[in-house]
């Protein structure tokens, strides 16, 4: 019928079959939205994207083989990619930042009311990003304290070599050791050595802290 828009085509990505079933039942009853495919892991997303002209993807974060951040980054690098809403129970600062850096247009928690999830799908499909109120508050608090953090982070990273700073940037972008090695033309063992040296020089405990420091320094 002329003037009638086709339904928004949605892909559900979650390793929990019950979560997928619940979302599918909820969304398929909504006018203007159609769940056209489901995926149990991030490595199944490319095939689903090839098979369907997707508009929006609801993406879990933690999955066994390919996590939601990696799947989002790969999906958003494709021509004419769908919008991605991360739907998760894990709302740590690093997860929020990683998801947004990877190209997600929304970040919602799984306890978000159904009506808000539906609204989020429609909103991101229209080109308007969406964050849950709790996430927005946390990001505002982070920005409010970031001015001093920027100078401290820059000073900390100044002790690193140029090569080590390249590794820091790659870590902040969410790349694995193998991906870093391929990008920087190094073996994985060499990458691991650089990461260990970076942790020692900066007095940090893990890669997540490296990534957050890079974000504070405005590098990623």
C-alpha atoms as a PDB file:
ATOM      1  CA  UNK A   1       0.000   0.000   0.000  1.00  0.00           C
ATOM      2  CA  UNK A   2       1.363   3.408  -0.955  1.00  0.00           C
ATOM      3  CA  UNK A   3       2.619   5.499   1.925  1.00  0.00           C
ATOM      4  CA  UNK A   4       3.068   2.547   4.295  1.00  0.00           C
ATOM      5  CA  UNK A   5       6.631   2.119   5.557  1.00  0.00           C
ATOM      6  CA  UNK A   6       8.018  -1.430   5.733  1.00  0.00           C
ATOM      7  CA  UNK A   7       8.687  -2.744   9.244  1.00  0.00           C
ATOM      8  CA  UNK A   8      12.077  -2.209  10.840  1.00  0.00           C
ATOM      9  CA  UNK A   9      14.107  -5.413  10.420  1.00  0.00           C
ATOM     10  CA  UNK A  10      15.756  -6.439  13.676  1.00  0.00           C
ATOM     11  CA  UNK A  11      18.467  -8.992  14.481  1.00  0.00           C
ATOM     12  CA  UNK A  12      18.711 -10.358  18.039  1.00  0.00           C
ATOM     13  CA  UNK A  13      22.197 -11.374  19.186  1.00  0.00           C
ATOM     14  CA  UNK A  14      22.428 -13.094  22.577  1.00  0.00           C
ATOM     15  CA  UNK A  15      23.867 -16.402  23.739  1.00  0.00           C
ATOM     16  CA  UNK A  16      20.885 -16.938  26.070  1.00  0.00           C
ATOM     17  CA  UNK A  17      18.079 -18.633  24.129  1.00  0.00           C
ATOM     18  CA  UNK A  18      15.507 -17.552  26.725  1.00  0.00           C
ATOM     19  CA  UNK A  19      16.508 -13.899  26.330  1.00  0.00           C
ATOM     20  CA  UNK A  20      16.213 -14.166  22.552  1.00  0.00           C
ATOM     21  CA  UNK A  21      12.830 -15.868  22.832  1.00  0.00           C
ATOM     22  CA  UNK A  22      11.513 -13.237  25.210  1.00  0.00           C
ATOM     23  CA  UNK A  23      12.689 -10.348  23.047  1.00  0.00           C
ATOM     24  CA  UNK A  24      11.351 -11.991  19.914  1.00  0.00           C
ATOM     25  CA  UNK A  25       7.907 -12.531  21.434  1.00  0.00           C
ATOM     26  CA  UNK A  26       7.811  -8.951  22.680  1.00  0.00           C
ATOM     27  CA  UNK A  27       8.979  -7.295  19.464  1.00  0.00           C
ATOM     28  CA  UNK A  28       7.029  -9.404  16.997  1.00  0.00           C
ATOM     29  CA  UNK A  29       3.850  -8.096  18.572  1.00  0.00           C
ATOM     30  CA  UNK A  30       4.834  -4.488  17.890  1.00  0.00           C
ATOM     31  CA  UNK A  31       3.529  -2.760  14.793  1.00  0.00           C
ATOM     32  CA  UNK A  32       6.320  -1.635  12.491  1.00  0.00           C
ATOM     33  CA  UNK A  33       9.002  -3.961  13.894  1.00  0.00           C
ATOM     34  CA  UNK A  34       9.933  -7.433  12.643  1.00  0.00           C
ATOM     35  CA  UNK A  35      12.543  -9.796  14.115  1.00  0.00           C
ATOM     36  CA  UNK A  36      14.010 -11.279  10.948  1.00  0.00           C
ATOM     37  CA  UNK A  37      16.892 -13.272  12.468  1.00  0.00           C
ATOM     38  CA  UNK A  38      18.560 -14.408  15.682  1.00  0.00           C
ATOM     39  CA  UNK A  39      22.194 -15.187  16.495  1.00  0.00           C
ATOM     40  CA  UNK A  40      23.617 -17.005  19.501  1.00  0.00           C
ATOM     41  CA  UNK A  41      27.108 -15.544  19.167  1.00  0.00           C
ATOM     42  CA  UNK A  42      28.905 -12.613  17.606  1.00  0.00           C
ATOM     43  CA  UNK A  43      30.504 -14.836  14.979  1.00  0.00           C
ATOM     44  CA  UNK A  44      27.044 -15.491  13.511  1.00  0.00           C
ATOM     45  CA  UNK A  45      26.342 -11.803  12.880  1.00  0.00           C
ATOM     46  CA  UNK A  46      28.036 -11.461   9.449  1.00  0.00           C
ATOM     47  CA  UNK A  47      25.964 -14.288   7.960  1.00  0.00           C
ATOM     48  CA  UNK A  48      22.771 -12.769   9.339  1.00  0.00           C
ATOM     49  CA  UNK A  49      23.734  -9.381   7.927  1.00  0.00           C
ATOM     50  CA  UNK A  50      24.400 -10.970   4.531  1.00  0.00           C
ATOM     51  CA  UNK A  51      21.053 -12.759   4.536  1.00  0.00           C
ATOM     52  CA  UNK A  52      18.876  -9.849   5.664  1.00  0.00           C
ATOM     53  CA  UNK A  53      18.729  -6.114   5.003  1.00  0.00           C
ATOM     54  CA  UNK A  54      18.933  -5.237   8.687  1.00  0.00           C
ATOM     55  CA  UNK A  55      17.896  -1.942  10.208  1.00  0.00           C
ATOM     56  CA  UNK A  56      18.738  -2.489  13.884  1.00  0.00           C
ATOM     57  CA  UNK A  57      20.715  -5.076  15.857  1.00  0.00           C
ATOM     58  CA  UNK A  58      20.158  -5.732  19.556  1.00  0.00           C
ATOM     59  CA  UNK A  59      23.607  -6.890  20.675  1.00  0.00           C
ATOM     60  CA  UNK A  60      24.626  -8.680  23.859  1.00  0.00           C
ATOM     61  CA  UNK A  61      28.163  -8.033  25.139  1.00  0.00           C
ATOM     62  CA  UNK A  62      29.462 -11.276  26.616  1.00  0.00           C
ATOM     63  CA  UNK A  63      29.316 -14.277  24.300  1.00  0.00           C
ATOM     64  CA  UNK A  64      31.531 -17.382  24.118  1.00  0.00           C
ATOM     65  CA  UNK A  65      33.342 -16.932  20.814  1.00  0.00           C
ATOM     66  CA  UNK A  66      33.040 -13.336  19.544  1.00  0.00           C
ATOM     67  CA  UNK A  67      31.985 -10.672  22.040  1.00  0.00           C
ATOM     68  CA  UNK A  68      29.513  -7.925  21.272  1.00  0.00           C
ATOM     69  CA  UNK A  69      32.124  -5.160  21.064  1.00  0.00           C
ATOM     70  CA  UNK A  70      34.084  -6.996  18.385  1.00  0.00           C
ATOM     71  CA  UNK A  71      30.917  -7.984  16.538  1.00  0.00           C
ATOM     72  CA  UNK A  72      29.700  -4.374  16.618  1.00  0.00           C
ATOM     73  CA  UNK A  73      32.990  -2.999  15.322  1.00  0.00           C
ATOM     74  CA  UNK A  74      33.069  -5.524  12.466  1.00  0.00           C
ATOM     75  CA  UNK A  75      29.427  -4.932  11.603  1.00  0.00           C
ATOM     76  CA  UNK A  76      29.760  -1.147  11.578  1.00  0.00           C
ATOM     77  CA  UNK A  77      32.761  -1.378   9.240  1.00  0.00           C
ATOM     78  CA  UNK A  78      30.570  -2.920   6.516  1.00  0.00           C
ATOM     79  CA  UNK A  79      28.941  -0.828   3.764  1.00  0.00           C
ATOM     80  CA  UNK A  80      25.529   0.551   4.799  1.00  0.00           C
ATOM     81  CA  UNK A  81      25.616  -1.077   8.246  1.00  0.00           C
ATOM     82  CA  UNK A  82      22.577  -1.382  10.506  1.00  0.00           C
ATOM     83  CA  UNK A  83      22.373   0.554  13.749  1.00  0.00           C
ATOM     84  CA  UNK A  84      23.454  -1.331  16.871  1.00  0.00           C
ATOM     85  CA  UNK A  85      21.937  -1.133  20.342  1.00  0.00           C
ATOM     86  CA  UNK A  86      23.956  -2.889  23.024  1.00  0.00           C
ATOM     87  CA  UNK A  87      21.574  -4.636  25.426  1.00  0.00           C
ATOM     88  CA  UNK A  88      23.435  -6.007  28.418  1.00  0.00           C
ATOM     89  CA  UNK A  89      23.583  -6.484  32.167  1.00  0.00           C
ATOM     90  CA  UNK A  90      27.180  -5.209  32.278  1.00  0.00           C
ATOM     91  CA  UNK A  91      27.281  -1.417  32.582  1.00  0.00           C
ATOM     92  CA  UNK A  92      30.922  -0.832  33.519  1.00  0.00           C
ATOM     93  CA  UNK A  93      32.524   2.353  32.229  1.00  0.00           C
ATOM     94  CA  UNK A  94      34.852   0.436  29.938  1.00  0.00           C
ATOM     95  CA  UNK A  95      31.977  -1.517  28.365  1.00  0.00           C
ATOM     96  CA  UNK A  96      30.054   1.690  27.689  1.00  0.00           C
ATOM     97  CA  UNK A  97      33.074   3.398  26.153  1.00  0.00           C
ATOM     98  CA  UNK A  98      34.108   0.365  24.122  1.00  0.00           C
ATOM     99  CA  UNK A  99      30.587  -0.034  22.735  1.00  0.00           C
ATOM    100  CA  UNK A 100      30.304   3.610  21.723  1.00  0.00           C
ATOM    101  CA  UNK A 101      33.790   3.606  20.221  1.00  0.00           C
ATOM    102  CA  UNK A 102      32.906   0.467  18.251  1.00  0.00           C
ATOM    103  CA  UNK A 103      30.001   2.314  16.659  1.00  0.00           C
ATOM    104  CA  UNK A 104      26.992   1.391  18.784  1.00  0.00           C
ATOM    105  CA  UNK A 105      24.153   3.913  18.570  1.00  0.00           C
ATOM    106  CA  UNK A 106      22.615   2.864  21.853  1.00  0.00           C
ATOM    107  CA  UNK A 107      23.434   1.270  25.188  1.00  0.00           C
ATOM    108  CA  UNK A 108      20.610  -0.182  27.277  1.00  0.00           C
ATOM    109  CA  UNK A 109      20.466  -2.475  30.273  1.00  0.00           C
ATOM    110  CA  UNK A 110      18.433  -5.666  30.130  1.00  0.00           C
ATOM    111  CA  UNK A 111      16.135  -4.429  32.880  1.00  0.00           C
ATOM    112  CA  UNK A 112      14.990  -1.595  30.584  1.00  0.00           C
ATOM    113  CA  UNK A 113      11.176  -1.629  30.290  1.00  0.00           C
ATOM    114  CA  UNK A 114       9.907  -3.149  27.014  1.00  0.00           C
ATOM    115  CA  UNK A 115       8.308   0.100  25.868  1.00  0.00           C
ATOM    116  CA  UNK A 116      11.671   1.864  26.155  1.00  0.00           C
ATOM    117  CA  UNK A 117      13.414  -0.869  24.159  1.00  0.00           C
ATOM    118  CA  UNK A 118      10.821  -0.470  21.410  1.00  0.00           C
ATOM    119  CA  UNK A 119      11.275   3.304  21.464  1.00  0.00           C
ATOM    120  CA  UNK A 120      15.056   2.874  21.319  1.00  0.00           C
ATOM    121  CA  UNK A 121      14.790   0.692  18.204  1.00  0.00           C
ATOM    122  CA  UNK A 122      12.679   3.290  16.457  1.00  0.00           C
ATOM    123  CA  UNK A 123      14.910   6.120  17.626  1.00  0.00           C
ATOM    124  CA  UNK A 124      18.236   4.684  16.449  1.00  0.00           C
ATOM    125  CA  UNK A 125      16.648   3.611  13.151  1.00  0.00           C
ATOM    126  CA  UNK A 126      15.784   7.293  12.680  1.00  0.00           C
ATOM    127  CA  UNK A 127      19.423   8.252  13.295  1.00  0.00           C
ATOM    128  CA  UNK A 128      19.085   9.348  16.911  1.00  0.00           C
ATOM    129  CA  UNK A 129      21.411   7.721  19.482  1.00  0.00           C
ATOM    130  CA  UNK A 130      19.928   6.444  22.734  1.00  0.00           C
ATOM    131  CA  UNK A 131      21.395   5.795  26.181  1.00  0.00           C
ATOM    132  CA  UNK A 132      19.564   4.647  29.273  1.00  0.00           C
ATOM    133  CA  UNK A 133      19.257   7.427  31.889  1.00  0.00           C
ATOM    134  CA  UNK A 134      21.602   5.598  34.248  1.00  0.00           C
ATOM    135  CA  UNK A 135      24.272   5.376  31.531  1.00  0.00           C
ATOM    136  CA  UNK A 136      23.845   9.053  30.615  1.00  0.00           C
ATOM    137  CA  UNK A 137      24.401  10.058  34.239  1.00  0.00           C
ATOM    138  CA  UNK A 138      27.572   7.991  34.468  1.00  0.00           C
ATOM    139  CA  UNK A 139      28.983   9.480  31.277  1.00  0.00           C
ATOM    140  CA  UNK A 140      28.190  12.988  32.506  1.00  0.00           C
ATOM    141  CA  UNK A 141      29.988  12.258  35.766  1.00  0.00           C
ATOM    142  CA  UNK A 142      32.963  10.926  33.821  1.00  0.00           C
ATOM    143  CA  UNK A 143      33.131  14.018  31.616  1.00  0.00           C
ATOM    144  CA  UNK A 144      32.922  16.255  34.678  1.00  0.00           C
ATOM    145  CA  UNK A 145      36.092  14.705  36.082  1.00  0.00           C
ATOM    146  CA  UNK A 146      37.911  14.243  32.792  1.00  0.00           C
ATOM    147  CA  UNK A 147      39.666  17.605  32.561  1.00  0.00           C
ATOM    148  CA  UNK A 148      42.163  16.731  35.274  1.00  0.00           C
ATOM    149  CA  UNK A 149      42.315  13.139  34.126  1.00  0.00           C
ATOM    150  CA  UNK A 150      43.376  14.267  30.646  1.00  0.00           C
ATOM    151  CA  UNK A 151      46.523  15.986  31.876  1.00  0.00           C
ATOM    152  CA  UNK A 152      47.417  13.113  34.201  1.00  0.00           C
ATOM    153  CA  UNK A 153      46.861  10.533  31.468  1.00  0.00           C
ATOM    154  CA  UNK A 154      48.951  12.481  28.958  1.00  0.00           C
ATOM    155  CA  UNK A 155      51.788  12.778  31.471  1.00  0.00           C
ATOM    156  CA  UNK A 156      51.624   9.048  32.230  1.00  0.00           C
ATOM    157  CA  UNK A 157      51.732   8.014  28.577  1.00  0.00           C
ATOM    158  CA  UNK A 158      54.681  10.337  27.916  1.00  0.00           C
ATOM    159  CA  UNK A 159      56.979   7.782  29.573  1.00  0.00           C
ATOM    160  CA  UNK A 160      56.188   5.222  26.878  1.00  0.00           C
ATOM    161  CA  UNK A 161      58.063   4.755  23.627  1.00  0.00           C
ATOM    162  CA  UNK A 162      56.315   5.607  20.328  1.00  0.00           C
ATOM    163  CA  UNK A 163      55.870   1.885  19.640  1.00  0.00           C
ATOM    164  CA  UNK A 164      54.357   1.304  23.062  1.00  0.00           C
ATOM    165  CA  UNK A 165      51.941   4.180  22.467  1.00  0.00           C
ATOM    166  CA  UNK A 166      50.859   2.509  19.227  1.00  0.00           C
ATOM    167  CA  UNK A 167      50.097  -0.638  21.214  1.00  0.00           C
ATOM    168  CA  UNK A 168      48.180   1.419  23.787  1.00  0.00           C
ATOM    169  CA  UNK A 169      46.027   2.925  21.036  1.00  0.00           C
ATOM    170  CA  UNK A 170      45.309  -0.508  19.551  1.00  0.00           C
ATOM    171  CA  UNK A 171      44.319  -1.848  22.976  1.00  0.00           C
ATOM    172  CA  UNK A 172      41.993   1.134  23.468  1.00  0.00           C
ATOM    173  CA  UNK A 173      40.358   0.318  20.143  1.00  0.00           C
ATOM    174  CA  UNK A 174      39.571  -3.169  21.448  1.00  0.00           C
ATOM    175  CA  UNK A 175      41.985  -5.200  19.331  1.00  0.00           C
ATOM    176  CA  UNK A 176      43.328  -8.576  20.423  1.00  0.00           C
ATOM    177  CA  UNK A 177      47.047  -9.344  20.580  1.00  0.00           C
ATOM    178  CA  UNK A 178      46.823 -11.132  17.232  1.00  0.00           C
ATOM    179  CA  UNK A 179      45.047  -8.168  15.639  1.00  0.00           C
ATOM    180  CA  UNK A 180      47.591  -5.746  17.110  1.00  0.00           C
ATOM    181  CA  UNK A 181      50.427  -7.854  15.730  1.00  0.00           C
ATOM    182  CA  UNK A 182      48.881  -7.848  12.259  1.00  0.00           C
ATOM    183  CA  UNK A 183      48.277  -4.091  12.324  1.00  0.00           C
ATOM    184  CA  UNK A 184      51.736  -3.214  13.623  1.00  0.00           C
ATOM    185  CA  UNK A 185      53.664  -5.994  11.848  1.00  0.00           C
ATOM    186  CA  UNK A 186      54.799  -7.719  15.037  1.00  0.00           C
ATOM    187  CA  UNK A 187      54.592 -11.240  16.326  1.00  0.00           C
ATOM    188  CA  UNK A 188      52.129 -12.008  19.103  1.00  0.00           C
ATOM    189  CA  UNK A 189      54.996 -12.700  21.507  1.00  0.00           C
ATOM    190  CA  UNK A 190      56.389  -9.227  20.823  1.00  0.00           C
ATOM    191  CA  UNK A 191      52.974  -7.682  21.389  1.00  0.00           C
ATOM    192  CA  UNK A 192      52.675  -9.477  24.733  1.00  0.00           C
ATOM    193  CA  UNK A 193      56.108  -8.173  25.698  1.00  0.00           C
ATOM    194  CA  UNK A 194      55.073  -4.618  24.864  1.00  0.00           C
ATOM    195  CA  UNK A 195      51.879  -4.984  26.886  1.00  0.00           C
ATOM    196  CA  UNK A 196      53.840  -6.280  29.870  1.00  0.00           C
ATOM    197  CA  UNK A 197      56.294  -3.366  29.635  1.00  0.00           C
ATOM    198  CA  UNK A 198      53.420  -0.884  29.383  1.00  0.00           C
ATOM    199  CA  UNK A 199      51.771  -2.293  32.498  1.00  0.00           C
ATOM    200  CA  UNK A 200      55.063  -2.108  34.406  1.00  0.00           C
ATOM    201  CA  UNK A 201      55.869   1.452  33.321  1.00  0.00           C
ATOM    202  CA  UNK A 202      52.388   2.762  34.079  1.00  0.00           C
ATOM    203  CA  UNK A 203      51.865   0.797  37.285  1.00  0.00           C
ATOM    204  CA  UNK A 204      48.663  -0.777  35.949  1.00  0.00           C
ATOM    205  CA  UNK A 205      47.176  -4.219  36.454  1.00  0.00           C
ATOM    206  CA  UNK A 206      45.386  -5.085  33.216  1.00  0.00           C
ATOM    207  CA  UNK A 207      44.524  -4.119  29.630  1.00  0.00           C
ATOM    208  CA  UNK A 208      41.257  -2.481  30.631  1.00  0.00           C
ATOM    209  CA  UNK A 209      43.162   0.063  32.715  1.00  0.00           C
ATOM    210  CA  UNK A 210      45.428   0.749  29.723  1.00  0.00           C
ATOM    211  CA  UNK A 211      42.382   1.365  27.537  1.00  0.00           C
ATOM    212  CA  UNK A 212      40.757   3.703  30.062  1.00  0.00           C
ATOM    213  CA  UNK A 213      43.979   5.666  30.402  1.00  0.00           C
ATOM    214  CA  UNK A 214      44.106   6.042  26.608  1.00  0.00           C
ATOM    215  CA  UNK A 215      40.514   7.249  26.595  1.00  0.00           C
ATOM    216  CA  UNK A 216      41.299   9.773  29.329  1.00  0.00           C
ATOM    217  CA  UNK A 217      44.226  11.006  27.230  1.00  0.00           C
ATOM    218  CA  UNK A 218      41.951  11.487  24.229  1.00  0.00           C
ATOM    219  CA  UNK A 219      43.771   8.922  22.108  1.00  0.00           C
ATOM    220  CA  UNK A 220      40.774   6.755  21.226  1.00  0.00           C
END
